[in-house]
C-alpha atoms as a PDB file:
ATOM      1  CA  MET A   1     -29.174  -8.332  15.683  1.00  0.00           C
ATOM      2  CA  VAL A   2     -26.716  -5.447  15.951  1.00  0.00           C
ATOM      3  CA  HIS A   3     -23.131  -6.444  15.185  1.00  0.00           C
ATOM      4  CA  ARG A   4     -20.781  -5.467  18.029  1.00  0.00           C
ATOM      5  CA  ILE A   5     -17.334  -4.105  17.167  1.00  0.00           C
ATOM      6  CA  ALA A   6     -14.677  -3.763  19.847  1.00  0.00           C
ATOM      7  CA  VAL A   7     -11.830  -1.345  19.127  1.00  0.00           C
ATOM      8  CA  VAL A   8      -8.624  -1.980  21.053  1.00  0.00           C
ATOM      9  CA  ALA A   9      -6.855   1.294  21.904  1.00  0.00           C
ATOM     10  CA  LEU A  10      -3.199   1.114  22.906  1.00  0.00           C
ATOM     11  CA  ASP A  11      -0.636   3.670  24.048  1.00  0.00           C
ATOM     12  CA  ASP A  12       0.770   5.895  21.293  1.00  0.00           C
ATOM     13  CA  PHE A  13      -2.220   5.080  19.095  1.00  0.00           C
ATOM     14  CA  ALA A  14      -2.473   6.488  15.576  1.00  0.00           C
ATOM     15  CA  THR A  15      -5.042   9.244  15.955  1.00  0.00           C
ATOM     16  CA  LEU A  16      -6.983   8.825  12.711  1.00  0.00           C
ATOM     17  CA  ASP A  17      -6.851   5.032  12.848  1.00  0.00           C
ATOM     18  CA  LEU A  18      -8.515   5.000  16.252  1.00  0.00           C
ATOM     19  CA  GLY A  19     -11.347   7.248  15.077  1.00  0.00           C
ATOM     20  CA  VAL A  20     -12.099   5.567  11.754  1.00  0.00           C
ATOM     21  CA  PRO A  21     -14.152   2.551  12.975  1.00  0.00           C
ATOM     22  CA  GLY A  22     -16.402   4.661  15.156  1.00  0.00           C
ATOM     23  CA  GLN A  23     -17.020   7.152  12.372  1.00  0.00           C
ATOM     24  CA  VAL A  24     -17.569   4.713   9.505  1.00  0.00           C
ATOM     25  CA  PHE A  25     -19.466   1.863  11.171  1.00  0.00           C
ATOM     26  CA  ARG A  26     -21.558   4.215  13.324  1.00  0.00           C
ATOM     27  CA  VAL A  27     -23.403   5.649  10.331  1.00  0.00           C
ATOM     28  CA  ALA A  28     -24.243   2.276   8.729  1.00  0.00           C
ATOM     29  CA  GLU A  29     -28.025   1.912   8.875  1.00  0.00           C
ATOM     30  CA  ASP A  30     -30.636  -0.312   7.294  1.00  0.00           C
ATOM     31  CA  ALA A  31     -33.547   0.956   5.189  1.00  0.00           C
ATOM     32  CA  ASP A  32     -35.523   1.771   8.353  1.00  0.00           C
ATOM     33  CA  GLY A  33     -32.730   3.819   9.877  1.00  0.00           C
ATOM     34  CA  ARG A  34     -31.666   1.188  12.398  1.00  0.00           C
ATOM     35  CA  ARG A  35     -27.971   1.102  13.147  1.00  0.00           C
ATOM     36  CA  LEU A  36     -26.243  -2.071  12.035  1.00  0.00           C
ATOM     37  CA  TYR A  37     -23.181  -1.871  14.271  1.00  0.00           C
ATOM     38  CA  GLU A  38     -22.426  -1.046  17.879  1.00  0.00           C
ATOM     39  CA  ILE A  39     -18.903   0.220  18.583  1.00  0.00           C
ATOM     40  CA  VAL A  40     -17.184  -0.080  21.957  1.00  0.00           C
ATOM     41  CA  THR A  41     -13.627   0.888  22.867  1.00  0.00           C
ATOM     42  CA  CYS A  42     -11.386  -0.934  25.310  1.00  0.00           C
ATOM     43  CA  THR A  43      -7.818  -0.895  26.616  1.00  0.00           C
ATOM     44  CA  PRO A  44      -5.700  -3.292  28.646  1.00  0.00           C
ATOM     45  CA  GLY A  45      -6.927  -3.007  32.206  1.00  0.00           C
ATOM     46  CA  GLY A  46      -9.383  -0.311  31.174  1.00  0.00           C
ATOM     47  CA  ARG A  47      -6.529   2.161  31.587  1.00  0.00           C
ATOM     48  CA  THR A  48      -6.244   5.586  29.989  1.00  0.00           C
ATOM     49  CA  VAL A  49      -4.049   5.562  26.873  1.00  0.00           C
ATOM     50  CA  ARG A  50      -2.289   8.542  25.377  1.00  0.00           C
ATOM     51  CA  GLY A  51      -1.815   9.428  21.723  1.00  0.00           C
ATOM     52  CA  PRO A  52       0.762  11.618  19.980  1.00  0.00           C
ATOM     53  CA  ALA A  53      -1.571  14.563  19.339  1.00  0.00           C
ATOM     54  CA  GLY A  54      -1.855  15.938  22.859  1.00  0.00           C
ATOM     55  CA  PHE A  55      -4.845  14.034  24.212  1.00  0.00           C
ATOM     56  CA  SER A  56      -5.691  10.800  26.006  1.00  0.00           C
ATOM     57  CA  VAL A  57      -8.532   8.303  25.685  1.00  0.00           C
ATOM     58  CA  ILE A  58     -10.451   7.051  28.708  1.00  0.00           C
ATOM     59  CA  PRO A  59     -12.241   3.847  27.596  1.00  0.00           C
ATOM     60  CA  ASP A  60     -15.530   2.466  28.819  1.00  0.00           C
ATOM     61  CA  HIS A  61     -14.214  -1.102  28.881  1.00  0.00           C
ATOM     62  CA  ASP A  62     -11.246  -3.318  29.563  1.00  0.00           C
ATOM     63  CA  LEU A  63     -10.240  -6.239  27.350  1.00  0.00           C
ATOM     64  CA  SER A  64     -12.929  -8.512  28.791  1.00  0.00           C
ATOM     65  CA  VAL A  65     -15.376  -6.875  26.380  1.00  0.00           C
ATOM     66  CA  LEU A  66     -13.638  -8.719  23.535  1.00  0.00           C
ATOM     67  CA  ALA A  67     -15.508 -11.838  24.641  1.00  0.00           C
ATOM     68  CA  THR A  68     -18.764 -10.153  23.564  1.00  0.00           C
ATOM     69  CA  ALA A  69     -17.533  -8.787  20.216  1.00  0.00           C
ATOM     70  CA  ASP A  70     -18.393 -10.035  16.753  1.00  0.00           C
ATOM     71  CA  THR A  71     -15.477  -8.087  15.278  1.00  0.00           C
ATOM     72  CA  VAL A  72     -12.302  -6.870  16.973  1.00  0.00           C
ATOM     73  CA  ILE A  73     -10.294  -4.010  15.430  1.00  0.00           C
ATOM     74  CA  VAL A  74      -6.732  -3.052  16.357  1.00  0.00           C
ATOM     75  CA  PRO A  75      -5.910   0.453  15.071  1.00  0.00           C
ATOM     76  CA  GLY A  76      -2.365   1.533  14.287  1.00  0.00           C
ATOM     77  CA  VAL A  77       0.199   2.395  16.925  1.00  0.00           C
ATOM     78  CA  HIS A  78       3.476   4.271  16.624  1.00  0.00           C
ATOM     79  CA  SER A  79       5.610   2.432  19.172  1.00  0.00           C
ATOM     80  CA  GLY A  80       5.726  -0.372  21.706  1.00  0.00           C
ATOM     81  CA  SER A  81       7.256  -3.812  22.130  1.00  0.00           C
ATOM     82  CA  ALA A  82       5.518  -5.088  19.004  1.00  0.00           C
ATOM     83  CA  PHE A  83       7.897  -2.783  17.111  1.00  0.00           C
ATOM     84  CA  SER A  84      11.049  -3.507  19.093  1.00  0.00           C
ATOM     85  CA  ASP A  85      11.158  -7.223  19.874  1.00  0.00           C
ATOM     86  CA  GLY A  86       7.981  -8.662  18.352  1.00  0.00           C
ATOM     87  CA  THR A  87       6.113  -9.183  21.616  1.00  0.00           C
ATOM     88  CA  ILE A  88       3.085  -7.803  23.448  1.00  0.00           C
ATOM     89  CA  ASP A  89       2.081  -8.201  27.076  1.00  0.00           C
ATOM     90  CA  ASP A  90       0.443 -11.454  28.093  1.00  0.00           C
ATOM     91  CA  GLU A  91      -2.937  -9.892  28.894  1.00  0.00           C
ATOM     92  CA  LEU A  92      -3.330  -8.400  25.431  1.00  0.00           C
ATOM     93  CA  ARG A  93      -1.937 -11.480  23.686  1.00  0.00           C
ATOM     94  CA  ASP A  94      -4.316 -13.843  25.471  1.00  0.00           C
ATOM     95  CA  ALA A  95      -7.327 -11.567  24.894  1.00  0.00           C
ATOM     96  CA  LEU A  96      -6.631 -11.333  21.163  1.00  0.00           C
ATOM     97  CA  ARG A  97      -6.029 -15.067  20.832  1.00  0.00           C
ATOM     98  CA  GLY A  98      -9.297 -15.758  22.609  1.00  0.00           C
ATOM     99  CA  ALA A  99     -11.136 -13.324  20.364  1.00  0.00           C
ATOM    100  CA  ALA A 100      -9.676 -15.006  17.280  1.00  0.00           C
ATOM    101  CA  LEU A 101     -11.513 -18.215  18.210  1.00  0.00           C
ATOM    102  CA  ARG A 102     -14.935 -16.618  17.906  1.00  0.00           C
ATOM    103  CA  SER A 103     -14.657 -13.207  16.218  1.00  0.00           C
ATOM    104  CA  ARG A 104     -13.542 -11.529  13.020  1.00  0.00           C
ATOM    105  CA  LEU A 105     -10.242  -9.699  13.523  1.00  0.00           C
ATOM    106  CA  MET A 106      -9.130  -6.546  11.725  1.00  0.00           C
ATOM    107  CA  SER A 107      -6.138  -4.247  11.928  1.00  0.00           C
ATOM    108  CA  ILE A 108      -5.620  -0.778  10.534  1.00  0.00           C
ATOM    109  CA  CYS A 109      -2.140   0.339   9.477  1.00  0.00           C
ATOM    110  CA  THR A 110       0.491  -0.747  12.002  1.00  0.00           C
ATOM    111  CA  GLY A 111      -2.128  -2.508  14.106  1.00  0.00           C
ATOM    112  CA  ALA A 112      -0.913  -5.515  12.089  1.00  0.00           C
ATOM    113  CA  PHE A 113       2.222  -5.499  14.278  1.00  0.00           C
ATOM    114  CA  VAL A 114       0.046  -6.188  17.315  1.00  0.00           C
ATOM    115  CA  LEU A 115      -1.844  -9.042  15.642  1.00  0.00           C
ATOM    116  CA  ALA A 116       1.447 -10.494  14.405  1.00  0.00           C
ATOM    117  CA  ALA A 117       2.995 -10.247  17.877  1.00  0.00           C
ATOM    118  CA  ALA A 118       0.019 -12.242  19.171  1.00  0.00           C
ATOM    119  CA  GLY A 119       0.908 -14.966  16.659  1.00  0.00           C
ATOM    120  CA  LEU A 120      -2.347 -14.511  14.756  1.00  0.00           C
ATOM    121  CA  LEU A 121      -0.850 -13.696  11.347  1.00  0.00           C
ATOM    122  CA  ASP A 122       1.584 -16.602  11.017  1.00  0.00           C
ATOM    123  CA  GLY A 123       1.097 -18.211   7.607  1.00  0.00           C
ATOM    124  CA  ARG A 124      -1.607 -15.703   6.707  1.00  0.00           C
ATOM    125  CA  PRO A 125      -1.547 -12.946   4.057  1.00  0.00           C
ATOM    126  CA  ALA A 126      -1.464  -9.463   5.572  1.00  0.00           C
ATOM    127  CA  THR A 127      -0.512  -5.877   4.869  1.00  0.00           C
ATOM    128  CA  THR A 128       0.546  -2.802   6.821  1.00  0.00           C
ATOM    129  CA  HIS A 129       1.823   0.693   6.098  1.00  0.00           C
ATOM    130  CA  TRP A 130       4.412   0.515   3.322  1.00  0.00           C
ATOM    131  CA  ARG A 131       6.942   2.516   5.365  1.00  0.00           C
ATOM    132  CA  SER A 132       6.919  -0.166   8.066  1.00  0.00           C
ATOM    133  CA  ALA A 133       7.185  -3.155   5.720  1.00  0.00           C
ATOM    134  CA  GLU A 134      10.919  -3.782   6.157  1.00  0.00           C
ATOM    135  CA  LEU A 135      10.695  -3.712   9.947  1.00  0.00           C
ATOM    136  CA  PHE A 136       7.594  -5.906   9.879  1.00  0.00           C
ATOM    137  CA  ARG A 137       9.333  -8.538   7.748  1.00  0.00           C
ATOM    138  CA  SER A 138      12.349  -8.617  10.046  1.00  0.00           C
ATOM    139  CA  LEU A 139      10.197  -9.142  13.150  1.00  0.00           C
ATOM    140  CA  TYR A 140       7.534 -11.418  11.680  1.00  0.00           C
ATOM    141  CA  PRO A 141       9.030 -13.540   8.877  1.00  0.00           C
ATOM    142  CA  ARG A 142       6.231 -16.123   9.089  1.00  0.00           C
ATOM    143  CA  VAL A 143       3.616 -13.622   7.927  1.00  0.00           C
ATOM    144  CA  LEU A 144       2.880 -13.491   4.186  1.00  0.00           C
ATOM    145  CA  LEU A 145       3.285  -9.729   3.966  1.00  0.00           C
ATOM    146  CA  ASP A 146       2.140  -7.814   0.895  1.00  0.00           C
ATOM    147  CA  PRO A 147       2.975  -4.118   1.405  1.00  0.00           C
ATOM    148  CA  ASP A 148       1.748  -3.081  -2.054  1.00  0.00           C
ATOM    149  CA  VAL A 149      -2.024  -3.247  -1.488  1.00  0.00           C
ATOM    150  CA  LEU A 150      -4.620  -1.169   0.344  1.00  0.00           C
ATOM    151  CA  PHE A 151      -6.095  -4.050   2.311  1.00  0.00           C
ATOM    152  CA  ILE A 152      -6.291  -7.831   2.442  1.00  0.00           C
ATOM    153  CA  ASP A 153      -9.441  -9.805   3.227  1.00  0.00           C
ATOM    154  CA  ASP A 154      -8.500 -13.301   4.369  1.00  0.00           C
ATOM    155  CA  GLY A 155     -11.931 -14.243   5.613  1.00  0.00           C
ATOM    156  CA  ASP A 156     -11.910 -13.976   9.389  1.00  0.00           C
ATOM    157  CA  LEU A 157      -8.762 -11.856   9.388  1.00  0.00           C
ATOM    158  CA  LEU A 158      -8.466  -8.527   7.569  1.00  0.00           C
ATOM    159  CA  THR A 159      -5.597  -6.047   7.516  1.00  0.00           C
ATOM    160  CA  SER A 160      -5.200  -2.635   5.913  1.00  0.00           C
ATOM    161  CA  ALA A 161      -2.429  -0.319   4.869  1.00  0.00           C
ATOM    162  CA  GLY A 162      -1.914   3.073   6.443  1.00  0.00           C
ATOM    163  CA  VAL A 163      -4.232   5.907   7.385  1.00  0.00           C
ATOM    164  CA  ALA A 164      -6.981   6.323   4.747  1.00  0.00           C
ATOM    165  CA  ALA A 165      -6.765   2.651   3.746  1.00  0.00           C
ATOM    166  CA  GLY A 166      -8.469   1.914   7.056  1.00  0.00           C
ATOM    167  CA  ILE A 167     -11.545   3.699   5.714  1.00  0.00           C
ATOM    168  CA  ASP A 168     -11.396   1.534   2.581  1.00  0.00           C
ATOM    169  CA  LEU A 169     -11.252  -1.600   4.715  1.00  0.00           C
ATOM    170  CA  CYS A 170     -14.204  -0.558   6.886  1.00  0.00           C
ATOM    171  CA  LEU A 171     -16.302   0.214   3.801  1.00  0.00           C
ATOM    172  CA  HIS A 172     -15.292  -3.140   2.332  1.00  0.00           C
ATOM    173  CA  VAL A 173     -16.495  -4.908   5.478  1.00  0.00           C
ATOM    174  CA  ILE A 174     -19.838  -3.080   5.392  1.00  0.00           C
ATOM    175  CA  ARG A 175     -20.174  -4.015   1.732  1.00  0.00           C
ATOM    176  CA  ARG A 176     -19.366  -7.629   2.564  1.00  0.00           C
ATOM    177  CA  ASP A 177     -21.826  -7.696   5.466  1.00  0.00           C
ATOM    178  CA  HIS A 178     -24.719  -5.719   3.972  1.00  0.00           C
ATOM    179  CA  GLY A 179     -24.108  -5.028   0.269  1.00  0.00           C
ATOM    180  CA  SER A 180     -23.044  -2.100  -1.846  1.00  0.00           C
ATOM    181  CA  GLU A 181     -26.164   0.049  -1.378  1.00  0.00           C
ATOM    182  CA  ILE A 182     -25.583   0.473   2.355  1.00  0.00           C
ATOM    183  CA  ALA A 183     -21.805   0.794   1.921  1.00  0.00           C
ATOM    184  CA  ASN A 184     -22.304   3.522  -0.685  1.00  0.00           C
ATOM    185  CA  ARG A 185     -24.610   5.435   1.651  1.00  0.00           C
ATOM    186  CA  VAL A 186     -21.980   5.254   4.370  1.00  0.00           C
ATOM    187  CA  ALA A 187     -19.329   6.499   1.940  1.00  0.00           C
ATOM    188  CA  ARG A 188     -21.517   9.454   1.028  1.00  0.00           C
ATOM    189  CA  ARG A 189     -21.999  10.294   4.713  1.00  0.00           C
ATOM    190  CA  CYS A 190     -18.239  10.137   5.203  1.00  0.00           C
ATOM    191  CA  VAL A 191     -17.577  12.114   1.994  1.00  0.00           C
ATOM    192  CA  THR A 192     -15.178   9.479   0.692  1.00  0.00           C
ATOM    193  CA  PRO A 193     -14.940   7.322  -2.446  1.00  0.00           C
ATOM    194  CA  PRO A 194     -17.237   4.297  -2.032  1.00  0.00           C
ATOM    195  CA  TRP A 195     -14.753   1.752  -3.260  1.00  0.00           C
ATOM    196  CA  ARG A 196     -11.037   1.455  -3.778  1.00  0.00           C
ATOM    197  CA  GLU A 197     -10.337  -2.213  -4.357  1.00  0.00           C
ATOM    198  CA  GLY A 198      -7.985  -3.912  -1.936  1.00  0.00           C
ATOM    199  CA  GLY A 199      -5.467  -4.840  -4.617  1.00  0.00           C
ATOM    200  CA  GLN A 200      -4.917  -1.226  -5.610  1.00  0.00           C
ATOM    201  CA  ALA A 201      -1.425   0.060  -4.891  1.00  0.00           C
ATOM    202  CA  GLN A 202      -0.870   1.871  -1.584  1.00  0.00           C
ATOM    203  CA  TYR A 203       0.753   4.805  -3.301  1.00  0.00           C
ATOM    204  CA  ILE A 204       1.427   5.988  -6.859  1.00  0.00           C
ATOM    205  CA  GLU A 205       5.103   6.234  -7.703  1.00  0.00           C
ATOM    206  CA  ARG A 206       4.704   8.715 -10.553  1.00  0.00           C
ATOM    207  CA  PRO A 207       4.191  12.347  -9.489  1.00  0.00           C
ATOM    208  CA  LEU A 208       0.680  13.668  -9.727  1.00  0.00           C
ATOM    209  CA  PRO A 209      -0.013  16.125 -12.571  1.00  0.00           C
ATOM    210  CA  ALA A 210       0.980  19.686 -11.835  1.00  0.00           C
ATOM    211  CA  ALA A 211      -1.725  22.256 -11.222  1.00  0.00           C
ATOM    212  CA  GLY A 212      -3.017  23.543 -14.525  1.00  0.00           C
ATOM    213  CA  ASP A 213      -2.253  20.329 -16.430  1.00  0.00           C
ATOM    214  CA  ALA A 214      -5.076  18.667 -18.332  1.00  0.00           C
ATOM    215  CA  THR A 215      -6.969  16.138 -16.247  1.00  0.00           C
ATOM    216  CA  THR A 216      -8.997  13.028 -17.035  1.00  0.00           C
ATOM    217  CA  ALA A 217     -11.618  13.851 -14.373  1.00  0.00           C
ATOM    218  CA  PRO A 218     -14.224  15.215 -16.847  1.00  0.00           C
ATOM    219  CA  THR A 219     -13.804  12.112 -18.985  1.00  0.00           C
ATOM    220  CA  ARG A 220     -14.221   9.849 -15.966  1.00  0.00           C
ATOM    221  CA  ALA A 221     -17.487  11.624 -15.137  1.00  0.00           C
ATOM    222  CA  TRP A 222     -18.535  11.269 -18.780  1.00  0.00           C
ATOM    223  CA  MET A 223     -17.757   7.539 -18.632  1.00  0.00           C
ATOM    224  CA  LEU A 224     -19.933   7.068 -15.552  1.00  0.00           C
ATOM    225  CA  ASP A 225     -22.908   8.445 -17.482  1.00  0.00           C
ATOM    226  CA  ARG A 226     -22.267   6.004 -20.342  1.00  0.00           C
ATOM    227  CA  LEU A 227     -21.304   2.733 -18.699  1.00  0.00           C
ATOM    228  CA  GLN A 228     -23.787   0.860 -20.885  1.00  0.00           C
ATOM    229  CA  GLU A 229     -22.083   2.070 -24.073  1.00  0.00           C
ATOM    230  CA  PRO A 230     -18.945   0.698 -25.783  1.00  0.00           C
ATOM    231  CA  LEU A 231     -16.065   2.816 -24.490  1.00  0.00           C
ATOM    232  CA  ASP A 232     -12.816   2.062 -26.238  1.00  0.00           C
ATOM    233  CA  LEU A 233      -9.549   3.780 -25.464  1.00  0.00           C
ATOM    234  CA  ALA A 234      -9.559   5.893 -28.633  1.00  0.00           C
ATOM    235  CA  THR A 235     -13.022   7.254 -27.804  1.00  0.00           C
ATOM    236  CA  LEU A 236     -11.963   8.150 -24.274  1.00  0.00           C
ATOM    237  CA  ALA A 237      -8.771   9.851 -25.421  1.00  0.00           C
ATOM    238  CA  ARG A 238     -10.691  11.808 -28.020  1.00  0.00           C
ATOM    239  CA  HIS A 239     -13.156  13.024 -25.390  1.00  0.00           C
ATOM    240  CA  ALA A 240     -10.256  14.115 -23.172  1.00  0.00           C
ATOM    241  CA  ARG A 241      -8.601  15.816 -26.177  1.00  0.00           C
ATOM    242  CA  MET A 242      -5.406  13.857 -25.635  1.00  0.00           C
ATOM    243  CA  SER A 243      -3.440  11.270 -27.542  1.00  0.00           C
ATOM    244  CA  VAL A 244      -4.106   7.681 -26.488  1.00  0.00           C
ATOM    245  CA  ARG A 245      -0.644   7.452 -24.978  1.00  0.00           C
ATOM    246  CA  THR A 246      -0.985  10.687 -22.972  1.00  0.00           C
ATOM    247  CA  PHE A 247      -4.498   9.813 -21.832  1.00  0.00           C
ATOM    248  CA  THR A 248      -3.460   6.359 -20.628  1.00  0.00           C
ATOM    249  CA  ARG A 249      -0.478   7.747 -18.733  1.00  0.00           C
ATOM    250  CA  ARG A 250      -2.437  10.620 -17.173  1.00  0.00           C
ATOM    251  CA  PHE A 251      -5.354   8.346 -16.241  1.00  0.00           C
ATOM    252  CA  ARG A 252      -3.059   5.984 -14.351  1.00  0.00           C
ATOM    253  CA  GLU A 253      -1.291   8.887 -12.631  1.00  0.00           C
ATOM    254  CA  GLU A 254      -4.611  10.227 -11.357  1.00  0.00           C
ATOM    255  CA  THR A 255      -6.359   6.974 -10.406  1.00  0.00           C
ATOM    256  CA  GLY A 256      -3.645   4.367  -9.954  1.00  0.00           C
ATOM    257  CA  LEU A 257      -5.503   2.173 -12.466  1.00  0.00           C
ATOM    258  CA  SER A 258      -5.566   1.667 -16.206  1.00  0.00           C
ATOM    259  CA  PRO A 259      -8.678   3.017 -17.988  1.00  0.00           C
ATOM    260  CA  ALA A 260      -9.862  -0.534 -18.707  1.00  0.00           C
ATOM    261  CA  ARG A 261      -9.519  -1.697 -15.116  1.00  0.00           C
ATOM    262  CA  TRP A 262     -11.182   1.447 -13.770  1.00  0.00           C
ATOM    263  CA  LEU A 263     -14.073   0.994 -16.206  1.00  0.00           C
ATOM    264  CA  ILE A 264     -14.615  -2.635 -15.211  1.00  0.00           C
ATOM    265  CA  ARG A 265     -14.635  -1.629 -11.575  1.00  0.00           C
ATOM    266  CA  GLN A 266     -17.328   0.986 -12.177  1.00  0.00           C
ATOM    267  CA  ARG A 267     -19.413  -1.457 -14.216  1.00  0.00           C
ATOM    268  CA  VAL A 268     -19.219  -4.071 -11.475  1.00  0.00           C
ATOM    269  CA  GLU A 269     -20.320  -1.446  -8.968  1.00  0.00           C
ATOM    270  CA  ARG A 270     -23.271  -0.472 -11.194  1.00  0.00           C
ATOM    271  CA  ALA A 271     -24.252  -4.126 -11.565  1.00  0.00           C
ATOM    272  CA  ARG A 272     -24.135  -4.680  -7.814  1.00  0.00           C
ATOM    273  CA  HIS A 273     -26.348  -1.662  -7.270  1.00  0.00           C
ATOM    274  CA  LEU A 274     -28.884  -2.901  -9.828  1.00  0.00           C
ATOM    275  CA  LEU A 275     -28.900  -6.422  -8.399  1.00  0.00           C
ATOM    276  CA  GLU A 276     -29.590  -5.052  -4.928  1.00  0.00           C
ATOM    277  CA  THR A 277     -32.175  -2.404  -5.747  1.00  0.00           C
ATOM    278  CA  THR A 278     -34.104  -3.629  -8.807  1.00  0.00           C
ATOM    279  CA  GLU A 279     -35.883  -6.729 -10.049  1.00  0.00           C
ATOM    280  CA  LEU A 280     -34.278  -6.576 -13.483  1.00  0.00           C
ATOM    281  CA  PRO A 281     -33.329  -9.945 -15.000  1.00  0.00           C
ATOM    282  CA  VAL A 282     -29.605 -10.671 -14.950  1.00  0.00           C
ATOM    283  CA  ASP A 283     -29.248 -10.216 -18.707  1.00  0.00           C
ATOM    284  CA  GLN A 284     -30.758  -6.717 -18.464  1.00  0.00           C
ATOM    285  CA  VAL A 285     -28.512  -5.873 -15.518  1.00  0.00           C
ATOM    286  CA  ALA A 286     -25.574  -6.940 -17.682  1.00  0.00           C
ATOM    287  CA  VAL A 287     -26.655  -4.620 -20.494  1.00  0.00           C
ATOM    288  CA  ARG A 288     -27.323  -1.622 -18.242  1.00  0.00           C
ATOM    289  CA  ALA A 289     -24.013  -2.072 -16.458  1.00  0.00           C
ATOM    290  CA  GLY A 290     -22.133  -2.249 -19.746  1.00  0.00           C
ATOM    291  CA  PHE A 291     -21.104  -5.908 -19.766  1.00  0.00           C
ATOM    292  CA  GLY A 292     -23.360  -6.749 -22.691  1.00  0.00           C
ATOM    293  CA  THR A 293     -24.064 -10.360 -21.758  1.00  0.00           C
ATOM    294  CA  ALA A 294     -24.958 -12.258 -18.607  1.00  0.00           C
ATOM    295  CA  VAL A 295     -21.899 -14.460 -19.146  1.00  0.00           C
ATOM    296  CA  SER A 296     -19.567 -11.462 -19.036  1.00  0.00           C
ATOM    297  CA  LEU A 297     -21.337 -10.096 -15.948  1.00  0.00           C
ATOM    298  CA  ARG A 298     -21.031 -13.445 -14.166  1.00  0.00           C
ATOM    299  CA  GLN A 299     -17.313 -13.635 -14.921  1.00  0.00           C
ATOM    300  CA  HIS A 300     -16.522 -10.150 -13.670  1.00  0.00           C
ATOM    301  CA  LEU A 301     -18.795 -10.292 -10.618  1.00  0.00           C
ATOM    302  CA  HIS A 302     -17.374 -13.639  -9.585  1.00  0.00           C
ATOM    303  CA  ALA A 303     -13.834 -12.305  -9.972  1.00  0.00           C
ATOM    304  CA  THR A 304     -14.713  -9.384  -7.682  1.00  0.00           C
ATOM    305  CA  VAL A 305     -16.927 -10.866  -4.960  1.00  0.00           C
ATOM    306  CA  GLY A 306     -16.694 -14.605  -5.570  1.00  0.00           C
ATOM    307  CA  VAL A 307     -20.374 -15.285  -6.289  1.00  0.00           C
ATOM    308  CA  ALA A 308     -22.763 -15.385  -9.240  1.00  0.00           C
ATOM    309  CA  PRO A 309     -25.289 -12.560  -9.858  1.00  0.00           C
ATOM    310  CA  LEU A 310     -28.334 -14.440  -8.528  1.00  0.00           C
ATOM    311  CA  THR A 311     -26.457 -15.536  -5.416  1.00  0.00           C
ATOM    312  CA  TYR A 312     -25.390 -11.954  -4.835  1.00  0.00           C
ATOM    313  CA  ARG A 313     -28.960 -10.730  -5.294  1.00  0.00           C
ATOM    314  CA  HIS A 314     -30.377 -13.305  -2.863  1.00  0.00           C
ATOM    315  CA  THR A 315     -27.751 -12.376  -0.285  1.00  0.00           C
ATOM    316  CA  PHE A 316     -28.086  -8.607  -0.429  1.00  0.00           C
ATOM    317  CA  ARG A 317     -31.500  -8.004  -1.981  1.00  0.00           C
ATOM    318  CA  ALA A 318     -33.368  -5.248  -0.207  1.00  0.00           C
ATOM    319  CA  GLU A 319     -36.995  -4.461  -0.920  1.00  0.00           C
ATOM    320  CA  ALA A 320     -36.602  -2.362  -4.049  1.00  0.00           C
ATOM    321  CA  PRO A 321     -38.140   1.129  -4.006  1.00  0.00           C
ATOM    322  CA  ALA A 322     -41.009   1.440  -6.479  1.00  0.00           C
ATOM    323  CA  ALA A 323     -39.052   3.937  -8.560  1.00  0.00           C
ATOM    324  CA  PHE A 324     -36.400   1.306  -9.246  1.00  0.00           C
ATOM    325  CA  ARG A 325     -38.661  -1.625 -10.031  1.00  0.00           C
ATOM    326  CA  SER A 326     -38.974  -2.808 -13.608  1.00  0.00           C
ATOM    327  CA  ALA A 327     -42.353  -2.665 -15.236  1.00  0.00           C
END
């Protein structure tokens, strides 16, 4: 059954935020090319809403469509009573509260203000754009705000940081619903990185390297071709023709992660791909992904997605193409 997503558009909507769900979820398809999500857009009263970029949106639905949605998404907004006194109009509040009883709720960027104004984030972990964190805390002190992450998945309630972090959250949801193979295909269609983990910082405080400076990008590509090999820091620095100290600093400046954490992330992603698309035994998946042992793979996979390798495979296993099947 196709999963229905209702996007709630409000006045002074954030332009990119409003477009992200329709772009990302629309291209998610199964192996037979069937779309996995249906996206509808609604507004209070079905009214036209205007954004800051010189255009308006005329929706096909009013808020009653939320009663039919499996997931409800509130994109960011730039103004409104949720920003001034912590309230929203009764119609929107009641519709969101009703949806929370039966649907998964998501917000992108400052859409978290709207969910908080509806009372849906009280006592729950959430995030929003880092520039709005101080205002958010003053208006909604009961929310467990973490402004230093890209997104937070709290089960039936998910929130993201600003702008591009909404893409990360949507890809995360597709990965959670259908596995990494489909999420990676969507990322390729959208020409975006397939995975930036939710706990990654919203922004990097150190300045990015100046044009012409040495970069770790060739070494990162080299690492991806050798995930199954031992890759210690000295080896990586030597490949990049840098000292260990310079390489570590530059790597973090460019990726926001330490080399070790980045490498583990890539190995987990490789293991997920192999579990979904091959019939390799878990110990062989562990070796090919670079973890060495099934025990190490189980530990890292569980830390990332909360399940063991066989459970993950049974949940997301697609019929493996012949080219990927083990002999």
